[in-house]
Protein backbone atom coordinates (compact mmCIF):
# COMPACT_ATOMS: atom_id res chain seq x y z
CA MET A 1 151.56 173.44 123.52
CA LYS A 2 149.29 174.34 120.40
CA GLN A 3 149.62 170.63 119.18
CA MET A 4 148.43 169.43 122.34
CA SER A 5 145.40 171.45 122.26
CA ILE A 6 144.61 170.18 118.86
CA ALA A 7 144.89 166.64 119.57
CA THR A 8 142.69 167.24 122.59
CA ALA A 9 140.12 169.03 120.55
CA LEU A 10 140.03 166.32 117.96
CA ILE A 11 139.89 164.06 120.74
CA LEU A 12 136.87 165.51 122.10
CA GLY A 13 135.21 165.93 119.22
CA MET A 14 135.28 162.43 118.77
CA VAL A 15 133.30 161.91 122.10
CA ALA A 16 130.85 164.28 121.50
CA SER A 17 130.10 163.01 117.79
CA PRO A 18 129.63 159.04 117.96
CA VAL A 19 129.68 157.47 114.71
CA LEU A 20 125.95 156.57 113.78
CA ALA A 21 125.36 152.82 114.14
CA GLU A 22 124.02 150.68 111.49
CA PRO A 23 120.15 149.79 111.96
CA THR A 24 120.04 146.37 113.43
CA VAL A 25 117.39 143.73 113.05
CA GLU A 26 117.25 140.91 115.41
CA VAL A 27 115.75 137.34 114.51
CA MET A 28 114.80 134.54 116.89
CA HIS A 29 114.37 131.24 115.06
CA PHE A 30 114.75 127.52 115.46
CA TRP A 31 116.60 126.97 112.50
CA THR A 32 119.77 125.31 113.31
CA SER A 33 120.38 122.16 111.07
CA GLY A 34 123.13 122.64 108.26
CA GLY A 35 120.46 122.92 105.50
CA GLU A 36 118.04 125.37 107.49
CA ALA A 37 121.12 127.80 108.22
CA ALA A 38 122.21 127.86 104.44
CA ALA A 39 118.55 128.77 103.74
CA LEU A 40 118.65 131.53 106.56
CA SER A 41 122.14 133.20 104.71
CA ALA A 42 119.94 134.25 101.74
CA VAL A 43 117.67 136.17 103.67
CA ARG A 44 120.61 137.40 106.00
CA ASP A 45 122.88 138.40 102.96
CA LYS A 46 120.13 140.49 101.49
CA VAL A 47 119.43 142.24 104.78
CA VAL A 48 122.99 142.97 105.20
CA ALA A 49 123.65 144.12 101.56
CA ASN A 50 120.57 146.92 102.34
CA GLY A 51 122.57 148.63 104.79
CA VAL A 52 120.95 146.85 107.80
CA ALA A 53 123.01 144.42 110.49
CA TRP A 54 121.74 141.09 111.34
CA ALA A 55 121.48 139.94 115.14
CA ASP A 56 121.04 136.35 114.87
CA ALA A 57 119.13 134.42 117.80
CA PRO A 58 118.84 131.04 117.27
CA VAL A 59 117.43 128.58 119.65
CA ALA A 60 118.01 124.85 119.02
CA GLY A 61 115.11 122.58 118.80
CA GLY A 62 113.30 121.38 115.75
CA GLY A 63 110.21 121.65 116.79
CA GLY A 64 110.62 124.90 118.24
CA ASP A 65 109.16 124.06 121.66
CA ALA A 66 112.39 126.00 123.28
CA ALA A 67 112.32 128.47 121.14
CA LYS A 68 108.86 129.27 122.25
CA THR A 69 110.03 129.28 125.99
CA ALA A 70 112.65 131.58 125.06
CA LEU A 71 109.90 133.98 123.34
CA GLN A 72 107.75 134.02 126.64
CA ALA A 73 110.69 134.84 128.15
CA ARG A 74 111.68 137.52 126.49
CA ILE A 75 107.93 139.12 126.18
CA ALA A 76 107.96 138.81 129.94
CA SER A 77 111.04 141.13 130.37
CA GLY A 78 109.82 143.79 128.06
CA ASN A 79 112.45 142.93 125.34
CA PRO A 80 110.86 140.77 122.51
CA PRO A 81 113.16 140.41 119.06
CA ALA A 82 112.54 142.32 116.07
CA ALA A 83 111.23 138.91 114.07
CA MET A 84 110.25 135.62 115.46
CA LEU A 85 110.09 132.32 113.57
CA MET A 86 106.52 131.23 114.77
CA LEU A 87 103.97 128.65 113.39
CA GLY A 88 100.25 128.80 112.33
CA GLN A 89 97.84 129.62 114.97
CA ASN A 90 100.90 130.81 117.53
CA ILE A 91 100.92 133.65 115.27
CA ILE A 92 97.18 134.43 114.92
CA ASP A 93 97.71 134.37 119.28
CA TRP A 94 100.27 136.73 119.63
CA ALA A 95 98.24 139.16 116.79
CA ASN A 96 95.44 138.81 119.06
CA GLU A 97 97.69 139.72 122.26
CA GLY A 98 98.56 142.86 120.28
CA LEU A 99 102.18 142.67 120.56
CA LEU A 100 102.54 142.31 116.37
CA GLY A 101 103.35 145.27 114.19
CA ASN A 102 102.75 145.02 110.69
CA VAL A 103 104.30 145.66 106.98
CA ASP A 104 101.13 146.77 105.56
CA ALA A 105 102.58 149.61 103.58
CA LEU A 106 105.57 147.84 102.46
CA ALA A 107 102.87 144.75 101.19
CA ALA A 108 100.82 147.20 99.48
CA ALA A 109 103.29 148.65 97.51
CA GLU A 110 105.31 145.35 96.57
CA GLY A 111 101.78 143.73 95.74
CA TRP A 112 102.12 140.83 97.88
CA ASP A 113 98.24 140.04 98.14
CA ALA A 114 98.28 139.34 94.17
CA VAL A 115 101.49 136.65 94.38
CA LEU A 116 100.82 134.91 98.09
CA PRO A 117 98.39 132.08 97.83
CA GLN A 118 95.36 132.34 100.01
CA ALA A 119 96.66 129.19 102.61
CA VAL A 120 99.71 131.25 102.79
CA LYS A 121 97.88 134.38 104.00
CA ASP A 122 95.48 132.55 106.37
CA PHE A 123 98.71 132.37 108.49
CA THR A 124 100.69 135.53 107.93
CA LYS A 125 97.82 138.35 107.24
CA VAL A 126 95.86 138.58 110.38
CA GLY A 127 93.03 140.92 110.57
CA GLY A 128 93.88 142.30 107.50
CA HIS A 129 97.60 143.11 108.60
CA TYR A 130 100.20 141.73 107.64
CA VAL A 131 102.02 140.67 110.76
CA SER A 132 104.14 138.02 109.63
CA VAL A 133 106.23 137.59 106.43
CA PRO A 134 106.27 133.93 104.67
CA THR A 135 109.70 132.52 103.33
CA ASN A 136 108.30 129.49 102.13
CA VAL A 137 105.55 126.33 102.24
CA HIS A 138 106.74 122.76 103.10
CA ARG A 139 104.94 119.68 102.56
CA THR A 140 104.50 117.55 105.71
CA ASP A 141 103.40 113.91 104.31
CA VAL A 142 106.51 112.73 102.66
CA ILE A 143 108.63 109.57 102.72
CA TRP A 144 112.39 109.97 102.52
CA ALA A 145 114.31 106.86 100.96
CA SER A 146 117.74 105.71 100.19
CA LYS A 147 118.34 104.83 96.99
CA ALA A 148 121.34 102.67 98.17
CA ALA A 149 119.23 100.76 100.57
CA PHE A 150 116.39 99.73 98.50
CA ASP A 151 119.02 98.64 95.63
CA ALA A 152 120.60 96.85 98.32
CA ILE A 153 117.06 94.42 98.65
CA GLY A 154 116.10 95.06 95.14
CA ALA A 155 112.72 96.53 95.74
CA PRO A 156 111.03 99.26 94.35
CA TYR A 157 109.58 102.35 96.74
CA PRO A 158 106.79 101.78 97.96
CA THR A 159 103.05 102.78 96.85
CA THR A 160 100.64 101.41 99.59
CA TRP A 161 101.24 100.88 103.27
CA GLU A 162 100.97 97.34 102.72
CA GLU A 163 104.10 97.10 100.61
CA LEU A 164 106.02 99.80 102.89
CA ASN A 165 105.27 97.59 105.88
CA ALA A 166 106.48 94.25 103.97
CA LEU A 167 109.71 95.63 103.20
CA ALA A 168 110.61 96.05 106.88
CA PRO A 169 111.90 92.21 107.53
CA LYS A 170 113.88 92.27 103.94
CA PHE A 171 115.65 95.61 105.50
CA VAL A 172 116.52 94.06 108.97
CA ALA A 173 118.01 90.98 106.88
CA ALA A 174 120.00 93.38 104.96
CA GLY A 175 121.73 94.78 108.08
CA ILE A 176 119.33 98.32 107.33
CA ILE A 177 117.34 100.05 109.73
CA PRO A 178 113.62 100.26 108.23
CA LEU A 179 112.69 103.50 109.44
CA ALA A 180 115.05 106.22 110.76
CA HIS A 181 113.24 107.83 113.36
CA GLY A 182 113.88 111.13 116.26
CA GLY A 183 112.29 109.71 119.55
CA GLN A 184 111.29 113.33 120.37
CA PRO A 185 107.22 114.15 120.76
CA TRP A 186 107.43 116.81 117.84
CA GLN A 187 108.10 114.34 115.30
CA GLU A 188 105.97 111.66 116.53
CA ALA A 189 103.08 114.18 115.69
CA TYR A 190 104.31 114.95 112.36
CA MET A 191 104.77 111.09 111.73
CA PHE A 192 100.81 110.63 112.76
CA GLU A 193 99.51 113.62 110.86
CA ALA A 194 101.36 111.80 107.60
CA VAL A 195 99.75 108.73 108.46
CA ALA A 196 96.81 110.44 108.95
CA MET A 197 96.36 112.07 105.62
CA GLY A 198 97.79 108.39 104.22
CA ILE A 199 95.22 106.22 105.72
CA GLY A 200 91.84 108.40 105.52
CA GLY A 201 92.46 111.42 102.69
CA ALA A 202 91.90 114.80 102.87
CA ASP A 203 88.02 114.77 104.17
CA PHE A 204 88.94 112.16 107.11
CA TYR A 205 91.99 114.82 107.97
CA ARG A 206 89.88 117.78 108.00
CA LYS A 207 87.03 116.44 110.07
CA ALA A 208 89.40 114.91 112.65
CA LEU A 209 92.38 117.38 112.99
CA VAL A 210 90.53 120.60 111.86
CA ASP A 211 86.92 120.27 112.91
CA LEU A 212 87.86 117.90 116.04
CA ASP A 213 85.06 115.76 115.29
CA ASP A 214 84.72 113.24 118.39
CA ALA A 215 82.84 110.49 116.45
CA THR A 216 85.82 110.79 113.33
CA LEU A 217 88.51 110.98 116.38
CA ARG A 218 87.45 107.74 117.52
CA GLY A 219 86.15 106.00 114.62
CA GLU A 220 87.26 103.04 112.89
CA THR A 221 89.60 104.97 110.32
CA MET A 222 91.26 106.62 113.33
CA VAL A 223 91.84 103.11 114.70
CA THR A 224 93.57 102.09 111.56
CA VAL A 225 95.95 105.03 111.69
CA PHE A 226 96.88 104.11 115.03
CA THR A 227 97.25 100.27 113.77
CA GLU A 228 99.60 101.65 110.85
CA LEU A 229 101.76 103.60 114.03
CA ALA A 230 101.88 100.29 115.77
CA THR A 231 103.53 98.81 112.78
CA LEU A 232 105.99 101.86 111.98
CA ARG A 233 107.46 102.06 115.61
CA ASP A 234 108.46 98.39 115.37
CA MET A 235 110.51 99.74 112.52
CA ILE A 236 112.79 102.14 114.20
CA ASP A 237 115.95 101.17 116.06
CA GLU A 238 116.20 101.30 119.83
CA ASN A 239 118.69 104.21 119.83
CA ALA A 240 116.07 106.60 118.30
CA ALA A 241 114.90 108.13 121.86
CA GLY A 242 115.80 112.02 121.98
CA ARG A 243 117.71 111.95 118.26
CA ASP A 244 117.32 115.11 116.58
CA TRP A 245 115.30 115.16 113.14
CA ASN A 246 118.29 116.24 111.15
CA LEU A 247 120.43 113.13 112.50
CA ALA A 248 117.55 110.59 111.81
CA THR A 249 118.06 112.27 108.11
CA ALA A 250 121.36 111.64 108.22
CA MET A 251 120.72 107.71 108.85
CA VAL A 252 119.10 107.85 105.29
CA ILE A 253 122.09 109.86 103.88
CA ASN A 254 124.56 107.55 104.51
CA GLY A 255 122.48 104.52 103.85
CA GLU A 256 122.24 103.22 107.81
CA ALA A 257 118.33 103.71 107.36
CA ALA A 258 116.03 102.97 104.34
CA MET A 259 113.34 105.88 104.94
CA GLN A 260 111.82 108.48 107.17
CA ILE A 261 108.96 110.14 107.38
CA MET A 262 109.53 113.97 107.94
CA GLY A 263 108.44 117.13 106.08
CA ASP A 264 110.38 118.13 103.08
CA TRP A 265 112.60 120.29 105.45
CA ALA A 266 114.51 116.95 105.34
CA LYS A 267 115.42 117.48 101.75
CA GLY A 268 117.75 120.53 102.89
CA GLU A 269 119.82 118.00 104.71
CA PHE A 270 120.04 115.76 101.55
CA THR A 271 121.01 119.07 99.47
CA ASN A 272 123.48 120.21 102.25
CA ALA A 273 125.30 116.91 101.68
CA GLY A 274 125.41 117.36 97.93
CA LYS A 275 122.81 114.35 97.30
CA VAL A 276 120.59 114.42 94.20
CA PRO A 277 116.94 113.62 93.93
CA GLY A 278 116.64 110.62 92.13
CA ASP A 279 120.12 109.66 91.88
CA ASP A 280 120.45 109.40 95.65
CA PHE A 281 117.20 109.83 97.33
CA ALA A 282 113.52 109.78 96.58
CA CYS A 283 110.94 112.15 97.72
CA ILE A 284 107.69 110.11 98.14
CA PRO A 285 104.08 111.22 99.28
CA VAL A 286 103.50 108.84 101.66
CA PRO A 287 100.84 106.04 100.00
CA LYS A 288 97.08 107.43 99.81
CA ALA A 289 94.81 104.46 100.91
CA ASN A 290 91.73 103.52 98.67
CA GLY A 291 92.53 105.77 95.78
CA GLN A 292 92.16 109.06 98.56
CA ALA A 293 93.98 112.11 97.84
CA GLY A 294 95.66 115.00 100.11
CA PHE A 295 98.50 117.59 100.62
CA VAL A 296 99.27 118.60 104.22
CA TYR A 297 100.76 121.97 104.07
CA LEU A 298 103.24 124.16 106.86
CA VAL A 299 103.59 127.53 106.35
CA ASN A 300 107.07 129.23 107.50
CA SER A 301 107.00 132.91 108.47
CA LEU A 302 109.05 135.49 110.44
CA SER A 303 106.52 137.70 112.76
CA LEU A 304 107.18 141.09 113.39
CA PHE A 305 106.91 142.33 117.20
CA THR A 306 105.84 145.84 117.35
CA GLN A 307 108.61 148.40 117.39
CA THR A 308 108.52 152.16 118.21
CA ASP A 309 112.03 153.67 116.92
CA PRO A 310 111.77 154.58 113.47
CA GLU A 311 115.12 152.94 113.06
CA ALA A 312 113.96 149.58 114.55
CA ILE A 313 110.92 149.61 112.09
CA HIS A 314 113.11 150.33 108.85
CA ALA A 315 114.95 147.42 109.99
CA GLN A 316 112.07 145.50 109.97
CA GLU A 317 111.07 146.51 106.76
CA VAL A 318 114.32 145.84 105.26
CA LEU A 319 113.98 142.26 106.63
CA ALA A 320 110.74 141.90 105.05
CA SER A 321 111.21 143.25 101.68
CA ALA A 322 114.41 140.82 101.42
CA ILE A 323 112.36 137.65 102.55
CA MET A 324 109.72 138.38 99.78
CA ASP A 325 112.58 139.38 97.14
CA PRO A 326 112.06 136.44 94.45
CA GLN A 327 115.63 135.60 94.02
CA VAL A 328 115.75 135.07 97.65
CA GLN A 329 112.71 133.20 97.80
CA ILE A 330 114.04 130.77 95.08
CA ASP A 331 117.97 130.79 96.75
CA PHE A 332 116.24 130.22 100.51
CA ASN A 333 113.94 127.34 99.05
CA LEU A 334 116.80 125.69 97.13
CA ALA A 335 118.71 125.04 100.46
CA LYS A 336 115.71 124.49 103.03
CA GLY A 337 114.12 121.95 100.61
CA ALA A 338 110.49 123.57 100.72
CA ILE A 339 108.65 125.70 97.68
CA PRO A 340 108.37 129.30 97.51
CA ALA A 341 105.46 130.85 99.21
CA ARG A 342 105.26 133.22 96.27
CA MET A 343 103.41 132.32 93.33
CA ASP A 344 105.00 134.19 90.38
CA VAL A 345 108.48 132.90 91.10
CA ASP A 346 110.44 130.68 88.37
CA MET A 347 110.20 126.86 89.95
CA SER A 348 112.82 125.79 87.18
CA ALA A 349 115.82 126.54 89.26
CA LEU A 350 114.35 123.86 91.99
CA ASP A 351 114.97 120.34 92.13
CA ALA A 352 112.52 117.54 91.08
CA CYS A 353 111.42 117.17 94.53
CA ALA A 354 110.48 120.64 95.16
CA GLN A 355 108.74 120.93 91.58
CA SER A 356 106.97 118.16 92.10
CA THR A 357 105.84 119.69 95.31
CA ALA A 358 104.44 122.84 93.97
CA ALA A 359 102.91 120.79 91.02
CA ASP A 360 100.90 118.84 93.84
CA LEU A 361 100.17 121.63 95.60
CA ALA A 362 98.46 123.40 92.50
CA THR A 363 96.32 120.50 92.45
CA ALA A 364 95.46 119.97 95.97
CA ASP A 365 94.68 123.59 96.22
CA ALA A 366 92.40 123.26 93.04
CA ALA A 367 90.38 120.16 94.60
CA GLY A 368 90.18 121.18 97.91
CA THR A 369 92.66 118.23 99.25
CA ALA A 370 95.29 120.50 100.53
CA VAL A 371 95.03 120.65 104.42
CA PRO A 372 96.71 122.61 107.07
CA THR A 373 99.69 120.62 109.32
CA PHE A 374 98.02 119.77 112.71
CA ALA A 375 101.27 119.03 114.40
CA GLY A 376 102.50 122.31 113.31
CA THR A 377 99.81 124.00 115.15
CA HIS A 378 98.30 125.17 111.58
CA ALA A 379 95.03 122.92 112.05
CA ALA A 380 94.47 123.67 116.03
CA ASN A 381 95.33 125.93 118.56
CA ALA A 382 98.77 125.15 120.62
CA ALA A 383 96.70 124.07 123.69
CA VAL A 384 94.87 121.30 121.68
CA VAL A 385 98.23 120.08 119.43
CA GLY A 386 100.01 120.21 122.88
CA ALA A 387 97.35 117.43 124.44
CA ALA A 388 97.06 115.46 121.24
CA THR A 389 101.32 115.15 121.08
CA ASP A 390 101.42 113.87 124.59
CA ALA A 391 98.46 111.18 124.05
CA ILE A 392 100.48 110.44 120.45
CA THR A 393 103.87 110.07 122.09
CA GLU A 394 102.59 108.20 124.71
CA PHE A 395 101.23 105.61 122.39
CA PHE A 396 104.27 105.67 119.91
CA ASN A 397 106.44 104.73 123.40
CA SER A 398 104.16 101.86 124.46
CA ASP A 399 102.79 99.00 123.60
CA MET A 400 99.55 100.29 123.82
CA THR A 401 96.61 98.93 121.60
CA ALA A 402 95.15 101.00 118.39
CA THR A 403 91.82 101.44 119.92
CA ASP A 404 93.15 102.78 123.44
CA GLY A 405 95.59 105.06 121.23
CA ALA A 406 92.66 106.61 119.30
CA ALA A 407 90.49 106.75 122.51
CA THR A 408 93.31 108.49 124.41
CA LEU A 409 93.85 110.79 121.47
CA ALA A 410 90.04 111.92 121.49
CA ASP A 411 89.79 112.18 125.26
CA ALA A 412 93.25 114.59 125.31
CA ILE A 413 91.61 116.72 122.27
CA MET A 414 88.04 116.88 123.81
CA ALA A 415 89.51 118.11 127.16
CA ALA A 416 91.81 120.72 125.26
CA LYS A 417 88.89 122.27 122.97
């Protein structure tokens, strides 16, 4: 009877004194391809090593539209995640709604102001507060080229739009798709901005897609942009509709297609497949017409929703510190295909593509020719980008003329401003 009493006491004691659960940070994101998942694991591993459980909340869809819808539902129900991958002016909008917290004390202690370029701080530090933590900087105006495909036709990589266009029939004759593409609106918006930079350069890009100048949107240069888009739409295969971006990248990786115009997150897929820059593929900034220069950048970051529980706040700070850890920045970007957000890390561990991107960004930043992504809602707000994307994808999936395409885009932007 005495033994039973002791056992009962032990059981009761266990019930009365539950084991304390470790703090948890929930991260909602749309990094679901192989390279993206590998990149995010660098952050997750650091967070877990520092005693915080990781609750992964992925939402498929490379452009992030499905994730934005899921986030809005979570906010409406009063249950936002601790952190969310969001882009550009969407961060500013949520901060202005008063829904984002900050990690200012941590940022001050770790000296973030001194190591982040202004282009990054523009989309992470809102109203003087660090409401978002940057993982990387992407370049969006890039051509990814299969070395095997170019070797098959004995051609060098293109340096002008005329050279690129002339390659298409040669690839077709060799049984190779000239341009891999995923027929989704967000992918067509990124292709559009890359061509806009390549045809018009930074000054045109800024006037048209940052300033939203009506005359520039309707001008001859924009018509030339749509003329090139019309040429590109004839290079894709008939099965492109609805294809995810990473599946289009896989077509280049396996030599089924020669090229893809996509941001440098595509490189994460090459890396994940064991491919080496130079040996297996090339990363080429889109051709710049008439000696123009430019670099289109996108900042990835995880934004932090306001928490009231001290344990939840601690978990967010652990996440933020892990993201900004110099080694994590390197490991993340080796897998992601981008370059670190921090300026003070050793870039020598990065591959040739990333080192070239870092050098190009430094040059463009100094020359004033680095411009924010339009498709990624850095250059303009979501309403404008959404209206423009509809116009761009309508053009890309029709036989609309270039003149009508430019006019449709201008009308859509002016109506959404």
